[in-house]
N, C-alpha and C. Protein backbone atom coordinates (compact mmCIF):
# COMPACT_ATOMS: atom_id res chain seq x y z
N MET A 1 113.57 74.11 91.06
CA MET A 1 113.32 74.84 92.28
C MET A 1 112.49 76.08 91.94
N THR A 2 111.37 76.24 92.61
CA THR A 2 110.49 77.36 92.31
C THR A 2 110.96 78.61 93.05
N ASN A 3 110.59 79.74 92.50
CA ASN A 3 110.93 81.01 93.11
C ASN A 3 109.78 81.44 94.02
N ARG A 4 109.97 81.30 95.33
CA ARG A 4 108.91 81.61 96.29
C ARG A 4 108.58 83.10 96.31
N HIS A 5 109.55 83.94 95.99
CA HIS A 5 109.29 85.37 96.01
C HIS A 5 108.30 85.76 94.91
N ARG A 6 108.32 85.07 93.79
CA ARG A 6 107.35 85.36 92.73
C ARG A 6 105.95 84.97 93.19
N GLN A 7 105.83 83.84 93.87
CA GLN A 7 104.53 83.42 94.38
C GLN A 7 104.02 84.40 95.44
N LYS A 8 104.91 84.85 96.32
CA LYS A 8 104.51 85.81 97.34
C LYS A 8 104.14 87.15 96.72
N TYR A 9 104.84 87.53 95.65
CA TYR A 9 104.54 88.78 94.97
C TYR A 9 103.10 88.79 94.47
N ILE A 10 102.71 87.72 93.82
CA ILE A 10 101.36 87.67 93.24
C ILE A 10 100.30 87.68 94.34
N SER A 11 100.50 86.88 95.38
CA SER A 11 99.49 86.82 96.44
C SER A 11 99.42 88.14 97.22
N ARG A 12 100.55 88.72 97.54
CA ARG A 12 100.54 90.00 98.28
C ARG A 12 99.96 91.13 97.43
N LEU A 13 100.22 91.09 96.13
CA LEU A 13 99.67 92.12 95.25
C LEU A 13 98.14 92.04 95.23
N LEU A 14 97.61 90.84 95.09
CA LEU A 14 96.16 90.68 95.07
C LEU A 14 95.52 91.05 96.41
N ILE A 15 96.16 90.67 97.50
CA ILE A 15 95.64 91.01 98.82
C ILE A 15 95.67 92.53 99.02
N GLY A 16 96.77 93.16 98.64
CA GLY A 16 96.89 94.61 98.80
C GLY A 16 95.86 95.36 97.98
N LEU A 17 95.68 94.96 96.73
CA LEU A 17 94.68 95.61 95.89
C LEU A 17 93.27 95.39 96.43
N GLY A 18 93.02 94.21 96.94
CA GLY A 18 91.70 93.92 97.52
C GLY A 18 91.41 94.76 98.75
N LEU A 19 92.41 94.94 99.61
CA LEU A 19 92.21 95.73 100.81
C LEU A 19 92.03 97.22 100.50
N VAL A 20 92.80 97.74 99.56
CA VAL A 20 92.64 99.14 99.19
C VAL A 20 91.26 99.36 98.57
N THR A 21 90.84 98.44 97.71
CA THR A 21 89.52 98.54 97.11
C THR A 21 88.42 98.47 98.17
N ALA A 22 88.57 97.58 99.13
CA ALA A 22 87.58 97.48 100.21
C ALA A 22 87.54 98.77 101.03
N GLY A 23 88.70 99.35 101.30
CA GLY A 23 88.74 100.61 102.04
C GLY A 23 88.04 101.73 101.29
N LEU A 24 88.24 101.80 99.99
CA LEU A 24 87.56 102.82 99.19
C LEU A 24 86.06 102.58 99.14
N LEU A 25 85.66 101.32 99.06
CA LEU A 25 84.23 101.01 99.07
C LEU A 25 83.59 101.40 100.41
N VAL A 26 84.31 101.22 101.50
CA VAL A 26 83.81 101.65 102.82
C VAL A 26 83.63 103.17 102.84
N ILE A 27 84.59 103.89 102.27
CA ILE A 27 84.47 105.35 102.21
C ILE A 27 83.25 105.76 101.38
N PHE A 28 83.07 105.13 100.22
CA PHE A 28 81.91 105.46 99.39
C PHE A 28 80.60 105.11 100.10
N TYR A 29 80.58 103.97 100.76
CA TYR A 29 79.38 103.58 101.51
C TYR A 29 79.08 104.59 102.60
N MET A 30 80.13 104.97 103.32
CA MET A 30 79.97 105.89 104.43
C MET A 30 79.50 107.26 103.94
N SER A 31 80.02 107.73 102.83
CA SER A 31 79.69 109.08 102.40
C SER A 31 78.38 109.17 101.64
N PHE A 32 77.98 108.12 100.93
CA PHE A 32 76.77 108.21 100.11
C PHE A 32 75.55 107.56 100.75
N LEU A 33 75.71 106.45 101.41
CA LEU A 33 74.55 105.72 101.91
C LEU A 33 74.29 105.92 103.40
N ARG A 34 75.33 106.12 104.16
CA ARG A 34 75.16 106.31 105.61
C ARG A 34 75.18 107.79 105.92
N SER A 35 74.11 108.32 106.41
CA SER A 35 74.07 109.74 106.75
C SER A 35 74.05 109.97 108.25
N SER A 36 74.24 108.91 109.03
CA SER A 36 74.24 109.03 110.48
C SER A 36 75.51 109.73 110.96
N GLN A 37 75.34 110.71 111.79
CA GLN A 37 76.48 111.49 112.27
C GLN A 37 77.19 110.84 113.46
N GLU A 38 76.53 109.90 114.14
CA GLU A 38 77.10 109.35 115.36
C GLU A 38 78.23 108.34 115.12
N GLU A 39 78.12 107.57 114.09
CA GLU A 39 79.08 106.47 113.93
C GLU A 39 80.04 106.66 112.76
N TRP A 40 80.27 107.87 112.33
CA TRP A 40 81.16 108.09 111.20
C TRP A 40 82.60 107.71 111.54
N TYR A 41 83.01 107.90 112.80
CA TYR A 41 84.38 107.60 113.18
C TYR A 41 84.68 106.11 113.12
N LEU A 42 83.69 105.26 113.38
CA LEU A 42 83.91 103.81 113.26
C LEU A 42 84.16 103.43 111.80
N TRP A 43 83.36 103.99 110.91
CA TRP A 43 83.55 103.71 109.48
C TRP A 43 84.88 104.28 108.99
N ALA A 44 85.23 105.47 109.46
CA ALA A 44 86.51 106.07 109.06
C ALA A 44 87.68 105.23 109.55
N PHE A 45 87.59 104.74 110.78
CA PHE A 45 88.65 103.88 111.31
C PHE A 45 88.78 102.60 110.49
N GLY A 46 87.64 102.01 110.13
CA GLY A 46 87.67 100.80 109.29
C GLY A 46 88.30 101.06 107.94
N ALA A 47 87.96 102.20 107.34
CA ALA A 47 88.54 102.56 106.04
C ALA A 47 90.05 102.78 106.16
N ILE A 48 90.48 103.44 107.22
CA ILE A 48 91.90 103.68 107.43
C ILE A 48 92.65 102.37 107.59
N VAL A 49 92.11 101.47 108.37
CA VAL A 49 92.76 100.17 108.59
C VAL A 49 92.86 99.40 107.27
N LEU A 50 91.78 99.38 106.51
CA LEU A 50 91.80 98.64 105.24
C LEU A 50 92.78 99.25 104.24
N ILE A 51 92.77 100.56 104.10
CA ILE A 51 93.66 101.20 103.13
C ILE A 51 95.12 101.06 103.55
N ASN A 52 95.42 101.26 104.83
CA ASN A 52 96.81 101.10 105.28
C ASN A 52 97.28 99.66 105.17
N GLY A 53 96.41 98.71 105.47
CA GLY A 53 96.76 97.30 105.28
C GLY A 53 97.02 96.98 103.82
N GLY A 54 96.20 97.56 102.95
CA GLY A 54 96.40 97.34 101.52
C GLY A 54 97.70 97.94 101.02
N LEU A 55 98.03 99.14 101.50
CA LEU A 55 99.29 99.76 101.09
C LEU A 55 100.49 98.98 101.63
N LEU A 56 100.36 98.44 102.82
CA LEU A 56 101.42 97.59 103.37
C LEU A 56 101.59 96.33 102.52
N GLY A 57 100.49 95.74 102.11
CA GLY A 57 100.55 94.55 101.25
C GLY A 57 101.17 94.87 99.90
N LEU A 58 100.82 96.02 99.33
CA LEU A 58 101.41 96.42 98.05
C LEU A 58 102.90 96.69 98.18
N GLY A 59 103.31 97.30 99.28
CA GLY A 59 104.75 97.52 99.51
C GLY A 59 105.50 96.21 99.65
N SER A 60 104.91 95.27 100.35
CA SER A 60 105.52 93.95 100.49
C SER A 60 105.60 93.25 99.13
N ALA A 61 104.58 93.44 98.31
CA ALA A 61 104.60 92.83 96.97
C ALA A 61 105.74 93.40 96.13
N VAL A 62 105.98 94.69 96.24
CA VAL A 62 107.07 95.31 95.49
C VAL A 62 108.42 94.74 95.94
N VAL A 63 108.60 94.56 97.24
CA VAL A 63 109.85 94.00 97.75
C VAL A 63 110.06 92.58 97.21
N HIS A 64 109.00 91.78 97.22
CA HIS A 64 109.13 90.41 96.71
C HIS A 64 109.36 90.38 95.20
N LYS A 65 108.80 91.35 94.49
CA LYS A 65 109.04 91.43 93.05
C LYS A 65 110.51 91.74 92.77
N VAL A 66 111.09 92.66 93.53
CA VAL A 66 112.51 93.00 93.35
C VAL A 66 113.38 91.79 93.68
N LYS A 67 113.06 91.10 94.77
CA LYS A 67 113.83 89.91 95.13
C LYS A 67 113.72 88.84 94.05
N SER A 68 112.53 88.65 93.51
CA SER A 68 112.32 87.67 92.45
C SER A 68 113.15 88.02 91.21
N ASP A 69 113.16 89.30 90.84
CA ASP A 69 113.94 89.72 89.68
C ASP A 69 115.43 89.55 89.91
N LEU A 70 115.89 89.85 91.12
CA LEU A 70 117.32 89.68 91.42
C LEU A 70 117.73 88.21 91.38
N ILE A 71 116.89 87.34 91.90
CA ILE A 71 117.18 85.90 91.87
C ILE A 71 117.23 85.41 90.42
N ARG A 72 116.28 85.84 89.61
CA ARG A 72 116.25 85.43 88.20
C ARG A 72 117.48 85.94 87.47
N LYS A 73 117.86 87.17 87.74
CA LYS A 73 119.04 87.75 87.09
C LYS A 73 120.32 87.01 87.52
N GLN A 74 120.42 86.66 88.80
CA GLN A 74 121.59 85.94 89.28
C GLN A 74 121.68 84.55 88.67
N LYS A 75 120.55 83.87 88.53
CA LYS A 75 120.55 82.55 87.90
C LYS A 75 121.00 82.65 86.44
N HIS A 76 120.56 83.70 85.77
CA HIS A 76 120.95 83.90 84.38
C HIS A 76 122.46 84.13 84.27
N LYS A 77 123.03 84.92 85.18
CA LYS A 77 124.47 85.16 85.19
C LYS A 77 125.24 83.89 85.47
N ASP A 78 124.74 83.09 86.43
CA ASP A 78 125.41 81.83 86.76
C ASP A 78 125.41 80.87 85.58
N GLN A 79 124.31 80.83 84.83
CA GLN A 79 124.26 79.95 83.66
C GLN A 79 125.21 80.43 82.57
N GLN A 80 125.33 81.74 82.41
CA GLN A 80 126.27 82.26 81.42
C GLN A 80 127.71 81.93 81.80
N LYS A 81 128.06 82.06 83.07
CA LYS A 81 129.42 81.73 83.52
C LYS A 81 129.69 80.24 83.31
N LYS A 82 128.69 79.42 83.54
CA LYS A 82 128.85 77.97 83.39
C LYS A 82 129.16 77.64 81.93
N TYR A 83 128.49 78.27 80.99
CA TYR A 83 128.73 78.00 79.58
C TYR A 83 130.04 78.61 79.09
N GLU A 84 130.52 79.66 79.71
CA GLU A 84 131.80 80.26 79.31
C GLU A 84 132.98 79.37 79.66
N PHE A 85 132.87 78.63 80.77
CA PHE A 85 133.98 77.77 81.22
C PHE A 85 134.00 76.45 80.48
N GLU A 86 132.94 76.08 79.83
CA GLU A 86 132.91 74.78 79.15
C GLU A 86 133.51 74.84 77.78
């Protein structure tokens, strides 16, 4: 039986890191290449959405990592109890 929380941890971690990186790239693009004063708020809103989405994904990845570790630890304890009774 596979541990789904470990799989979710890896995918959410990659998604979160990708979104935060994209948000930072939007900020760099906005500040260095775009000098238009009219549409800065659209770029800022996009950066905020990307960074907050990335942080949400990273937080979800941490939760799944903790769940994965707890499941692994519980399986290890169950195997030890099984061998003690035999």
